[in-house]
Amino acid sequence: MTAVKQNIFGMVKSPCVAICALDENDVCIGCYRTGHEITAWGEMDNEKKREVLEKVAKREQDSLEKVAKREQASGNIIAI
């Protein structure tokens, strides 16, 4: 896993990228957190935030792979 970014207070930074919209699975299309993870973020300790970031990385990778498969099936070439 890549280094986790922290703010000046040593708290793990939010992965928010200001593209806030939940998909049909209650996952943000910008940061890949669930609605619950987003609302609970401020109350989480660093350990829990790191756990969420691991889930976020997996969701993002899964999403990219799904897009790549869809694009390949349609005849477009995409590399991830």
N, C-alpha and C. Protein backbone atom coordinates (compact mmCIF):
# COMPACT_ATOMS: atom_id res chain seq x y z
N MET A 1 0.84 -1.18 0.00
CA MET A 1 0.00 0.00 0.00
C MET A 1 0.89 1.24 0.00
N THR A 2 0.46 2.28 -0.66
CA THR A 2 1.23 3.51 -0.71
C THR A 2 1.17 4.22 0.64
N ALA A 3 2.05 5.18 0.83
CA ALA A 3 2.09 5.92 2.09
C ALA A 3 0.76 6.64 2.30
N VAL A 4 0.29 6.60 3.53
CA VAL A 4 -0.97 7.26 3.88
C VAL A 4 -0.67 8.71 4.19
N LYS A 5 -1.40 9.61 3.56
CA LYS A 5 -1.20 11.04 3.78
C LYS A 5 -1.83 11.44 5.11
N GLN A 6 -1.10 12.30 5.82
CA GLN A 6 -1.59 12.80 7.10
C GLN A 6 -1.55 14.31 7.09
N ASN A 7 -2.44 14.92 7.89
CA ASN A 7 -2.43 16.37 8.00
C ASN A 7 -1.41 16.80 9.05
N ILE A 8 -1.32 18.09 9.33
CA ILE A 8 -0.32 18.60 10.26
C ILE A 8 -0.55 18.12 11.69
N PHE A 9 -1.73 17.61 11.98
CA PHE A 9 -2.04 17.10 13.31
C PHE A 9 -1.80 15.60 13.41
N GLY A 10 -1.30 14.98 12.34
CA GLY A 10 -1.02 13.56 12.34
C GLY A 10 -2.22 12.68 12.04
N MET A 11 -3.33 13.29 11.66
CA MET A 11 -4.53 12.51 11.33
C MET A 11 -4.50 12.11 9.85
N VAL A 12 -4.97 10.90 9.57
CA VAL A 12 -5.04 10.42 8.19
C VAL A 12 -5.99 11.31 7.40
N LYS A 13 -5.52 11.75 6.24
CA LYS A 13 -6.33 12.65 5.40
C LYS A 13 -7.46 11.90 4.71
N SER A 14 -8.54 12.61 4.50
CA SER A 14 -9.68 12.08 3.78
C SER A 14 -9.32 11.89 2.30
N PRO A 15 -9.83 10.83 1.68
CA PRO A 15 -9.58 10.63 0.25
C PRO A 15 -10.52 11.44 -0.65
N CYS A 16 -11.32 12.30 -0.05
CA CYS A 16 -12.30 13.08 -0.82
C CYS A 16 -11.62 13.88 -1.93
N VAL A 17 -12.22 13.83 -3.12
CA VAL A 17 -11.71 14.58 -4.27
C VAL A 17 -12.77 15.57 -4.79
N ALA A 18 -13.76 15.84 -3.95
CA ALA A 18 -14.83 16.81 -4.25
C ALA A 18 -15.67 16.43 -5.47
N ILE A 19 -15.80 15.14 -5.72
CA ILE A 19 -16.74 14.62 -6.72
C ILE A 19 -17.69 13.73 -5.94
N CYS A 20 -18.67 14.35 -5.33
CA CYS A 20 -19.50 13.67 -4.34
C CYS A 20 -20.83 13.21 -4.93
N ALA A 21 -20.88 11.94 -5.26
CA ALA A 21 -22.11 11.33 -5.78
C ALA A 21 -22.05 9.84 -5.49
N LEU A 22 -23.09 9.34 -4.85
CA LEU A 22 -23.14 7.92 -4.53
C LEU A 22 -23.77 7.14 -5.67
N ASP A 23 -23.18 5.98 -5.98
CA ASP A 23 -23.74 5.14 -7.03
C ASP A 23 -24.84 4.25 -6.46
N GLU A 24 -25.32 3.31 -7.25
CA GLU A 24 -26.42 2.44 -6.84
C GLU A 24 -26.04 1.50 -5.69
N ASN A 25 -24.73 1.39 -5.42
CA ASN A 25 -24.25 0.55 -4.31
C ASN A 25 -23.87 1.37 -3.08
N ASP A 26 -24.25 2.66 -3.06
CA ASP A 26 -23.95 3.57 -1.95
C ASP A 26 -22.45 3.84 -1.83
N VAL A 27 -21.74 3.82 -2.96
CA VAL A 27 -20.31 4.10 -2.99
C VAL A 27 -20.09 5.39 -3.77
N CYS A 28 -19.29 6.29 -3.20
CA CYS A 28 -19.01 7.56 -3.87
C CYS A 28 -18.18 7.31 -5.12
N ILE A 29 -18.57 7.92 -6.23
CA ILE A 29 -17.84 7.74 -7.48
C ILE A 29 -16.54 8.54 -7.51
N GLY A 30 -16.33 9.42 -6.54
CA GLY A 30 -15.10 10.20 -6.47
C GLY A 30 -14.04 9.59 -5.58
N CYS A 31 -14.44 9.22 -4.36
CA CYS A 31 -13.44 8.72 -3.39
C CYS A 31 -13.59 7.24 -3.07
N TYR A 32 -14.63 6.60 -3.57
CA TYR A 32 -14.86 5.16 -3.39
C TYR A 32 -15.16 4.74 -1.95
N ARG A 33 -15.59 5.69 -1.11
CA ARG A 33 -16.05 5.33 0.23
C ARG A 33 -17.56 5.13 0.18
N THR A 34 -18.06 4.32 1.10
CA THR A 34 -19.51 4.16 1.21
C THR A 34 -20.08 5.39 1.91
N GLY A 35 -21.38 5.54 1.81
CA GLY A 35 -22.04 6.65 2.50
C GLY A 35 -21.76 6.61 3.99
N HIS A 36 -21.80 5.41 4.57
CA HIS A 36 -21.52 5.27 6.00
C HIS A 36 -20.08 5.65 6.33
N GLU A 37 -19.13 5.23 5.50
CA GLU A 37 -17.73 5.56 5.75
C GLU A 37 -17.49 7.07 5.66
N ILE A 38 -18.18 7.72 4.75
CA ILE A 38 -18.05 9.17 4.60
C ILE A 38 -18.55 9.88 5.85
N THR A 39 -19.74 9.50 6.31
CA THR A 39 -20.32 10.19 7.46
C THR A 39 -19.59 9.86 8.76
N ALA A 40 -19.00 8.68 8.85
CA ALA A 40 -18.30 8.29 10.08
C ALA A 40 -16.84 8.73 10.10
N TRP A 41 -16.29 9.20 8.99
CA TRP A 41 -14.87 9.50 8.86
C TRP A 41 -14.35 10.39 9.99
N GLY A 42 -15.04 11.43 10.31
CA GLY A 42 -14.59 12.38 11.33
C GLY A 42 -14.47 11.79 12.72
N GLU A 43 -15.19 10.71 12.98
CA GLU A 43 -15.16 10.07 14.29
C GLU A 43 -14.18 8.89 14.35
N MET A 44 -13.64 8.49 13.20
CA MET A 44 -12.74 7.33 13.16
C MET A 44 -11.35 7.70 13.65
N ASP A 45 -10.68 6.72 14.29
CA ASP A 45 -9.27 6.91 14.62
C ASP A 45 -8.44 6.56 13.39
N ASN A 46 -7.15 6.83 13.45
CA ASN A 46 -6.28 6.60 12.29
C ASN A 46 -6.27 5.14 11.84
N GLU A 47 -6.33 4.21 12.78
CA GLU A 47 -6.32 2.79 12.41
C GLU A 47 -7.55 2.45 11.57
N LYS A 48 -8.72 2.91 11.99
CA LYS A 48 -9.96 2.63 11.25
C LYS A 48 -9.91 3.33 9.88
N LYS A 49 -9.38 4.54 9.84
CA LYS A 49 -9.27 5.26 8.56
C LYS A 49 -8.37 4.50 7.59
N ARG A 50 -7.28 3.94 8.09
CA ARG A 50 -6.40 3.15 7.22
C ARG A 50 -7.11 1.91 6.69
N GLU A 51 -7.94 1.29 7.54
CA GLU A 51 -8.73 0.14 7.09
C GLU A 51 -9.68 0.55 5.97
N VAL A 52 -10.32 1.71 6.11
CA VAL A 52 -11.21 2.21 5.07
C VAL A 52 -10.42 2.48 3.80
N LEU A 53 -9.23 3.06 3.91
CA LEU A 53 -8.42 3.36 2.73
C LEU A 53 -8.01 2.09 1.99
N GLU A 54 -7.80 0.99 2.71
CA GLU A 54 -7.52 -0.28 2.05
C GLU A 54 -8.73 -0.74 1.24
N LYS A 55 -9.91 -0.60 1.81
CA LYS A 55 -11.15 -0.95 1.10
C LYS A 55 -11.34 -0.04 -0.11
N VAL A 56 -11.04 1.25 0.07
CA VAL A 56 -11.15 2.23 -1.02
C VAL A 56 -10.26 1.82 -2.18
N ALA A 57 -9.01 1.44 -1.89
CA ALA A 57 -8.08 1.05 -2.96
C ALA A 57 -8.61 -0.16 -3.72
N LYS A 58 -9.18 -1.12 -3.00
CA LYS A 58 -9.75 -2.31 -3.65
C LYS A 58 -10.95 -1.94 -4.52
N ARG A 59 -11.84 -1.10 -3.99
CA ARG A 59 -13.01 -0.67 -4.77
C ARG A 59 -12.59 0.08 -6.03
N GLU A 60 -11.60 0.95 -5.90
CA GLU A 60 -11.14 1.71 -7.06
C GLU A 60 -10.56 0.78 -8.11
N GLN A 61 -9.74 -0.18 -7.70
CA GLN A 61 -9.16 -1.13 -8.65
C GLN A 61 -10.25 -1.95 -9.32
N ASP A 62 -11.21 -2.43 -8.55
CA ASP A 62 -12.32 -3.19 -9.11
C ASP A 62 -13.10 -2.37 -10.13
N SER A 63 -13.31 -1.10 -9.82
CA SER A 63 -14.03 -0.21 -10.72
C SER A 63 -13.27 -0.02 -12.03
N LEU A 64 -11.96 0.19 -11.92
CA LEU A 64 -11.14 0.37 -13.13
C LEU A 64 -11.14 -0.88 -13.99
N GLU A 65 -11.08 -2.03 -13.34
CA GLU A 65 -11.10 -3.29 -14.09
C GLU A 65 -12.44 -3.49 -14.78
N LYS A 66 -13.52 -3.12 -14.12
CA LYS A 66 -14.85 -3.24 -14.71
C LYS A 66 -14.98 -2.34 -15.94
N VAL A 67 -14.47 -1.12 -15.84
CA VAL A 67 -14.51 -0.18 -16.97
C VAL A 67 -13.66 -0.73 -18.11
N ALA A 68 -12.48 -1.25 -17.79
CA ALA A 68 -11.60 -1.79 -18.83
C ALA A 68 -12.26 -2.95 -19.57
N LYS A 69 -12.91 -3.85 -18.84
CA LYS A 69 -13.59 -4.99 -19.47
C LYS A 69 -14.73 -4.50 -20.37
N ARG A 70 -15.47 -3.52 -19.90
CA ARG A 70 -16.59 -2.98 -20.69
C ARG A 70 -16.08 -2.32 -21.97
N GLU A 71 -14.98 -1.58 -21.85
CA GLU A 71 -14.41 -0.90 -23.01
C GLU A 71 -13.84 -1.91 -24.01
N GLN A 72 -13.17 -2.93 -23.50
CA GLN A 72 -12.63 -3.97 -24.39
C GLN A 72 -13.74 -4.70 -25.11
N ALA A 73 -14.83 -4.98 -24.40
CA ALA A 73 -15.97 -5.66 -25.01
C ALA A 73 -16.60 -4.83 -26.11
N SER A 74 -16.51 -3.50 -25.98
CA SER A 74 -17.11 -2.64 -26.99
C SER A 74 -16.15 -2.34 -28.13
N GLY A 75 -14.92 -2.90 -28.05
CA GLY A 75 -13.96 -2.71 -29.14
C GLY A 75 -12.98 -1.59 -28.89
N ASN A 76 -13.15 -0.85 -27.81
CA ASN A 76 -12.20 0.21 -27.46
C ASN A 76 -11.03 -0.43 -26.72
N ILE A 77 -9.88 0.16 -26.84
CA ILE A 77 -8.69 -0.35 -26.16
C ILE A 77 -8.41 0.56 -24.98
N ILE A 78 -8.23 -0.05 -23.82
CA ILE A 78 -7.92 0.74 -22.63
C ILE A 78 -6.91 -0.05 -21.81
N ALA A 79 -5.94 0.65 -21.26
CA ALA A 79 -4.93 0.01 -20.41
C ALA A 79 -5.05 0.57 -19.02
N ILE A 80 -4.92 -0.33 -18.05
CA ILE A 80 -4.96 0.14 -16.65
C ILE A 80 -3.68 -0.23 -15.95
